[in-house]
């Protein structure tokens, strides 16, 4: 796969549609050509302890952030015609569908490939197939794990190696 968009979300709470950040990496002809990151004011607009502990974001970080609708107006043209790639597709796809539903937007039916599933086939002997483990196996040093852009970049690196 040489042309795709790797995507990752962070959520504010246990509600599937409570996206508080998005990271996007556009790959064309096997090379990263664009990255995009944005904070998003989540709906519902509250953070639970565990989500904040994982990604480090809090309500004060996103109180003045744009809505998902505003952010997606920037994202949609970047990913037009490209398949999406995520590490653990079911979670990111459920999140994307939920945030579209929360904002009463029609979900466009994006095609999403899963680097988690592919990594289990490519590297069956790894102790686990977490993003950090697989990225390391593929020669990528993931820093700032659980930052949406850092995770999307690691996912893009993995996809270029094994998809």
C-alpha atoms as a PDB file:
ATOM      1  CA  UNK A   1       0.000   0.000   0.000  1.00  0.00           C
ATOM      2  CA  UNK A   2       1.584   3.242  -1.137  1.00  0.00           C
ATOM      3  CA  UNK A   3      -1.246   5.766  -0.851  1.00  0.00           C
ATOM      4  CA  UNK A   4      -3.298   6.039   2.334  1.00  0.00           C
ATOM      5  CA  UNK A   5      -4.102   8.150   5.370  1.00  0.00           C
ATOM      6  CA  UNK A   6      -3.193   6.862   8.834  1.00  0.00           C
ATOM      7  CA  UNK A   7      -5.524   8.187  11.503  1.00  0.00           C
ATOM      8  CA  UNK A   8      -5.774   8.147  15.273  1.00  0.00           C
ATOM      9  CA  UNK A   9      -8.139   9.662  17.812  1.00  0.00           C
ATOM     10  CA  UNK A  10      -8.017  10.367  21.514  1.00  0.00           C
ATOM     11  CA  UNK A  11     -11.220  10.497  23.527  1.00  0.00           C
ATOM     12  CA  UNK A  12     -12.197  12.594  26.521  1.00  0.00           C
ATOM     13  CA  UNK A  13     -14.339  10.002  28.274  1.00  0.00           C
ATOM     14  CA  UNK A  14     -15.984   6.605  27.791  1.00  0.00           C
ATOM     15  CA  UNK A  15     -18.492   7.916  25.259  1.00  0.00           C
ATOM     16  CA  UNK A  16     -17.413   6.644  21.821  1.00  0.00           C
ATOM     17  CA  UNK A  17     -18.000   9.993  20.165  1.00  0.00           C
ATOM     18  CA  UNK A  18     -16.100  12.111  22.704  1.00  0.00           C
ATOM     19  CA  UNK A  19     -13.156  12.784  20.389  1.00  0.00           C
ATOM     20  CA  UNK A  20     -10.781  15.386  21.841  1.00  0.00           C
ATOM     21  CA  UNK A  21      -7.937  15.136  19.308  1.00  0.00           C
ATOM     22  CA  UNK A  22      -7.159  13.714  15.896  1.00  0.00           C
ATOM     23  CA  UNK A  23      -3.870  12.914  14.209  1.00  0.00           C
ATOM     24  CA  UNK A  24      -3.587  12.260  10.495  1.00  0.00           C
ATOM     25  CA  UNK A  25      -0.652  11.234   8.311  1.00  0.00           C
ATOM     26  CA  UNK A  26      -1.014  11.309   4.530  1.00  0.00           C
ATOM     27  CA  UNK A  27       1.203   8.880   2.624  1.00  0.00           C
ATOM     28  CA  UNK A  28       1.574   9.076  -1.157  1.00  0.00           C
ATOM     29  CA  UNK A  29       3.892   6.877  -3.177  1.00  0.00           C
ATOM     30  CA  UNK A  30       5.131   5.394   0.089  1.00  0.00           C
ATOM     31  CA  UNK A  31       6.254   8.756   1.511  1.00  0.00           C
ATOM     32  CA  UNK A  32       4.737  10.911   4.206  1.00  0.00           C
ATOM     33  CA  UNK A  33       3.632  14.071   2.429  1.00  0.00           C
ATOM     34  CA  UNK A  34       1.441  15.768   5.047  1.00  0.00           C
ATOM     35  CA  UNK A  35       0.556  15.568   8.695  1.00  0.00           C
ATOM     36  CA  UNK A  36      -2.375  17.112  10.498  1.00  0.00           C
ATOM     37  CA  UNK A  37      -3.182  17.424  14.185  1.00  0.00           C
ATOM     38  CA  UNK A  38      -5.975  19.210  15.978  1.00  0.00           C
ATOM     39  CA  UNK A  39      -7.504  19.386  19.382  1.00  0.00           C
ATOM     40  CA  UNK A  40     -11.289  19.083  19.316  1.00  0.00           C
ATOM     41  CA  UNK A  41     -13.884  20.214  21.826  1.00  0.00           C
ATOM     42  CA  UNK A  42     -15.463  16.871  22.731  1.00  0.00           C
ATOM     43  CA  UNK A  43     -19.141  16.050  23.060  1.00  0.00           C
ATOM     44  CA  UNK A  44     -20.017  15.469  25.804  1.00  0.00           C
ATOM     45  CA  UNK A  45     -17.509  18.016  27.059  1.00  0.00           C
ATOM     46  CA  UNK A  46     -16.036  16.354  30.130  1.00  0.00           C
ATOM     47  CA  UNK A  47     -12.922  14.288  30.767  1.00  0.00           C
ATOM     48  CA  UNK A  48     -12.703  11.232  32.931  1.00  0.00           C
ATOM     49  CA  UNK A  49      -9.636  10.541  35.022  1.00  0.00           C
ATOM     50  CA  UNK A  50      -8.477   7.463  33.074  1.00  0.00           C
ATOM     51  CA  UNK A  51      -8.630   9.053  29.626  1.00  0.00           C
ATOM     52  CA  UNK A  52      -6.743  12.129  30.839  1.00  0.00           C
ATOM     53  CA  UNK A  53      -4.185   9.915  32.548  1.00  0.00           C
ATOM     54  CA  UNK A  54      -3.534   8.071  29.260  1.00  0.00           C
ATOM     55  CA  UNK A  55      -3.225  11.007  26.851  1.00  0.00           C
ATOM     56  CA  UNK A  56      -2.637  13.929  29.192  1.00  0.00           C
ATOM     57  CA  UNK A  57      -5.408  16.113  27.795  1.00  0.00           C
ATOM     58  CA  UNK A  58      -7.901  17.949  30.023  1.00  0.00           C
ATOM     59  CA  UNK A  59     -10.904  20.180  29.536  1.00  0.00           C
ATOM     60  CA  UNK A  60      -8.737  23.304  29.804  1.00  0.00           C
ATOM     61  CA  UNK A  61      -6.838  22.087  26.719  1.00  0.00           C
ATOM     62  CA  UNK A  62      -9.945  21.871  24.552  1.00  0.00           C
ATOM     63  CA  UNK A  63     -12.417  24.417  25.924  1.00  0.00           C
ATOM     64  CA  UNK A  64     -11.524  26.810  23.104  1.00  0.00           C
ATOM     65  CA  UNK A  65     -10.792  24.110  20.522  1.00  0.00           C
ATOM     66  CA  UNK A  66     -12.873  23.846  17.347  1.00  0.00           C
ATOM     67  CA  UNK A  67     -15.772  21.438  17.053  1.00  0.00           C
ATOM     68  CA  UNK A  68     -15.440  18.124  15.263  1.00  0.00           C
ATOM     69  CA  UNK A  69     -17.463  19.572  12.374  1.00  0.00           C
ATOM     70  CA  UNK A  70     -14.946  22.395  11.913  1.00  0.00           C
ATOM     71  CA  UNK A  71     -11.962  20.054  12.136  1.00  0.00           C
ATOM     72  CA  UNK A  72     -13.472  17.509   9.760  1.00  0.00           C
ATOM     73  CA  UNK A  73     -13.924  20.224   7.134  1.00  0.00           C
ATOM     74  CA  UNK A  74     -10.119  20.373   7.084  1.00  0.00           C
ATOM     75  CA  UNK A  75      -9.605  16.602   7.260  1.00  0.00           C
ATOM     76  CA  UNK A  76     -12.104  15.481   4.604  1.00  0.00           C
ATOM     77  CA  UNK A  77     -10.284  17.011   1.603  1.00  0.00           C
ATOM     78  CA  UNK A  78      -6.964  15.586   2.817  1.00  0.00           C
ATOM     79  CA  UNK A  79      -8.257  12.019   2.883  1.00  0.00           C
ATOM     80  CA  UNK A  80     -10.495  12.176  -0.178  1.00  0.00           C
ATOM     81  CA  UNK A  81      -9.965   9.097  -2.336  1.00  0.00           C
ATOM     82  CA  UNK A  82      -7.566   7.494   0.140  1.00  0.00           C
ATOM     83  CA  UNK A  83      -8.150   4.414   2.273  1.00  0.00           C
ATOM     84  CA  UNK A  84      -7.697   4.954   5.992  1.00  0.00           C
ATOM     85  CA  UNK A  85      -5.339   2.936   8.154  1.00  0.00           C
ATOM     86  CA  UNK A  86      -5.635   2.543  11.928  1.00  0.00           C
ATOM     87  CA  UNK A  87      -4.021   0.382  14.585  1.00  0.00           C
ATOM     88  CA  UNK A  88      -7.013  -1.521  15.990  1.00  0.00           C
ATOM     89  CA  UNK A  89      -9.552  -0.676  13.310  1.00  0.00           C
ATOM     90  CA  UNK A  90     -12.650  -1.649  15.320  1.00  0.00           C
ATOM     91  CA  UNK A  91     -11.951   1.030  17.927  1.00  0.00           C
ATOM     92  CA  UNK A  92     -11.129   3.831  15.484  1.00  0.00           C
ATOM     93  CA  UNK A  93     -13.970   2.932  13.138  1.00  0.00           C
ATOM     94  CA  UNK A  94     -16.471   2.805  16.023  1.00  0.00           C
ATOM     95  CA  UNK A  95     -15.130   6.161  17.273  1.00  0.00           C
ATOM     96  CA  UNK A  96     -15.373   7.758  13.829  1.00  0.00           C
ATOM     97  CA  UNK A  97     -18.915   6.512  13.262  1.00  0.00           C
ATOM     98  CA  UNK A  98     -19.951   7.640  16.748  1.00  0.00           C
ATOM     99  CA  UNK A  99     -18.547  11.155  16.406  1.00  0.00           C
ATOM    100  CA  UNK A 100     -20.285  11.527  13.037  1.00  0.00           C
ATOM    101  CA  UNK A 101     -23.524  10.412  14.727  1.00  0.00           C
ATOM    102  CA  UNK A 102     -23.061  12.790  17.689  1.00  0.00           C
ATOM    103  CA  UNK A 103     -22.692  15.704  15.269  1.00  0.00           C
ATOM    104  CA  UNK A 104     -25.551  14.520  13.045  1.00  0.00           C
ATOM    105  CA  UNK A 105     -23.241  14.111  10.061  1.00  0.00           C
ATOM    106  CA  UNK A 106     -23.689  11.446   7.419  1.00  0.00           C
ATOM    107  CA  UNK A 107     -20.906   8.850   7.704  1.00  0.00           C
ATOM    108  CA  UNK A 108     -19.241   8.450   4.278  1.00  0.00           C
ATOM    109  CA  UNK A 109     -18.357   4.760   4.697  1.00  0.00           C
ATOM    110  CA  UNK A 110     -14.574   5.074   4.749  1.00  0.00           C
ATOM    111  CA  UNK A 111     -12.557   1.979   3.882  1.00  0.00           C
ATOM    112  CA  UNK A 112     -10.265   1.292   6.848  1.00  0.00           C
ATOM    113  CA  UNK A 113      -7.349  -1.144   7.006  1.00  0.00           C
ATOM    114  CA  UNK A 114      -6.050  -2.507  10.295  1.00  0.00           C
ATOM    115  CA  UNK A 115      -2.333  -2.571  11.129  1.00  0.00           C
ATOM    116  CA  UNK A 116      -3.064  -4.474  14.347  1.00  0.00           C
ATOM    117  CA  UNK A 117      -4.611  -7.382  12.455  1.00  0.00           C
ATOM    118  CA  UNK A 118      -1.866  -7.248   9.812  1.00  0.00           C
ATOM    119  CA  UNK A 119       0.849  -7.208  12.484  1.00  0.00           C
ATOM    120  CA  UNK A 120      -0.500 -10.407  14.040  1.00  0.00           C
ATOM    121  CA  UNK A 121       0.008 -12.127  10.687  1.00  0.00           C
ATOM    122  CA  UNK A 122       3.344 -10.471   9.902  1.00  0.00           C
ATOM    123  CA  UNK A 123       4.858 -10.922  13.363  1.00  0.00           C
ATOM    124  CA  UNK A 124       3.139 -13.874  15.062  1.00  0.00           C
ATOM    125  CA  UNK A 125       5.928 -14.308  17.615  1.00  0.00           C
ATOM    126  CA  UNK A 126       5.817 -10.832  19.151  1.00  0.00           C
ATOM    127  CA  UNK A 127       4.931 -10.850  22.867  1.00  0.00           C
ATOM    128  CA  UNK A 128       2.021  -8.497  22.051  1.00  0.00           C
ATOM    129  CA  UNK A 129       0.829  -6.417  19.123  1.00  0.00           C
ATOM    130  CA  UNK A 130       0.419  -3.064  20.814  1.00  0.00           C
ATOM    131  CA  UNK A 131       1.285  -0.036  18.701  1.00  0.00           C
ATOM    132  CA  UNK A 132       4.565   0.578  20.532  1.00  0.00           C
ATOM    133  CA  UNK A 133       5.700  -3.042  20.172  1.00  0.00           C
ATOM    134  CA  UNK A 134       4.858  -3.276  16.480  1.00  0.00           C
ATOM    135  CA  UNK A 135       6.330   0.143  15.685  1.00  0.00           C
ATOM    136  CA  UNK A 136       9.584  -0.912  17.364  1.00  0.00           C
ATOM    137  CA  UNK A 137       9.571  -4.165  15.379  1.00  0.00           C
ATOM    138  CA  UNK A 138       9.208  -2.110  12.193  1.00  0.00           C
ATOM    139  CA  UNK A 139      12.152   0.121  13.116  1.00  0.00           C
ATOM    140  CA  UNK A 140      10.163   3.143  14.289  1.00  0.00           C
ATOM    141  CA  UNK A 141      10.802   4.771  17.659  1.00  0.00           C
ATOM    142  CA  UNK A 142       7.417   5.873  18.979  1.00  0.00           C
ATOM    143  CA  UNK A 143       7.764   8.811  21.327  1.00  0.00           C
ATOM    144  CA  UNK A 144       4.819  10.597  22.940  1.00  0.00           C
ATOM    145  CA  UNK A 145       2.592   7.534  22.808  1.00  0.00           C
ATOM    146  CA  UNK A 146      -1.123   8.416  23.053  1.00  0.00           C
ATOM    147  CA  UNK A 147      -0.628  11.694  21.260  1.00  0.00           C
ATOM    148  CA  UNK A 148      -2.932  11.294  18.246  1.00  0.00           C
ATOM    149  CA  UNK A 149      -0.360  12.525  15.720  1.00  0.00           C
ATOM    150  CA  UNK A 150       2.476  10.445  17.193  1.00  0.00           C
ATOM    151  CA  UNK A 151       0.285   7.331  17.123  1.00  0.00           C
ATOM    152  CA  UNK A 152      -0.925   8.043  13.576  1.00  0.00           C
ATOM    153  CA  UNK A 153       2.703   8.463  12.467  1.00  0.00           C
ATOM    154  CA  UNK A 154       3.661   5.122  14.029  1.00  0.00           C
ATOM    155  CA  UNK A 155       0.655   3.533  12.324  1.00  0.00           C
ATOM    156  CA  UNK A 156       1.724   5.006   8.970  1.00  0.00           C
ATOM    157  CA  UNK A 157       5.235   3.637   9.449  1.00  0.00           C
ATOM    158  CA  UNK A 158       3.855   0.172  10.252  1.00  0.00           C
ATOM    159  CA  UNK A 159       1.473   0.279   7.275  1.00  0.00           C
ATOM    160  CA  UNK A 160       4.320   1.135   4.905  1.00  0.00           C
ATOM    161  CA  UNK A 161       6.250  -1.852   6.232  1.00  0.00           C
ATOM    162  CA  UNK A 162       3.589  -4.576   6.338  1.00  0.00           C
ATOM    163  CA  UNK A 163       0.529  -3.624   4.276  1.00  0.00           C
END
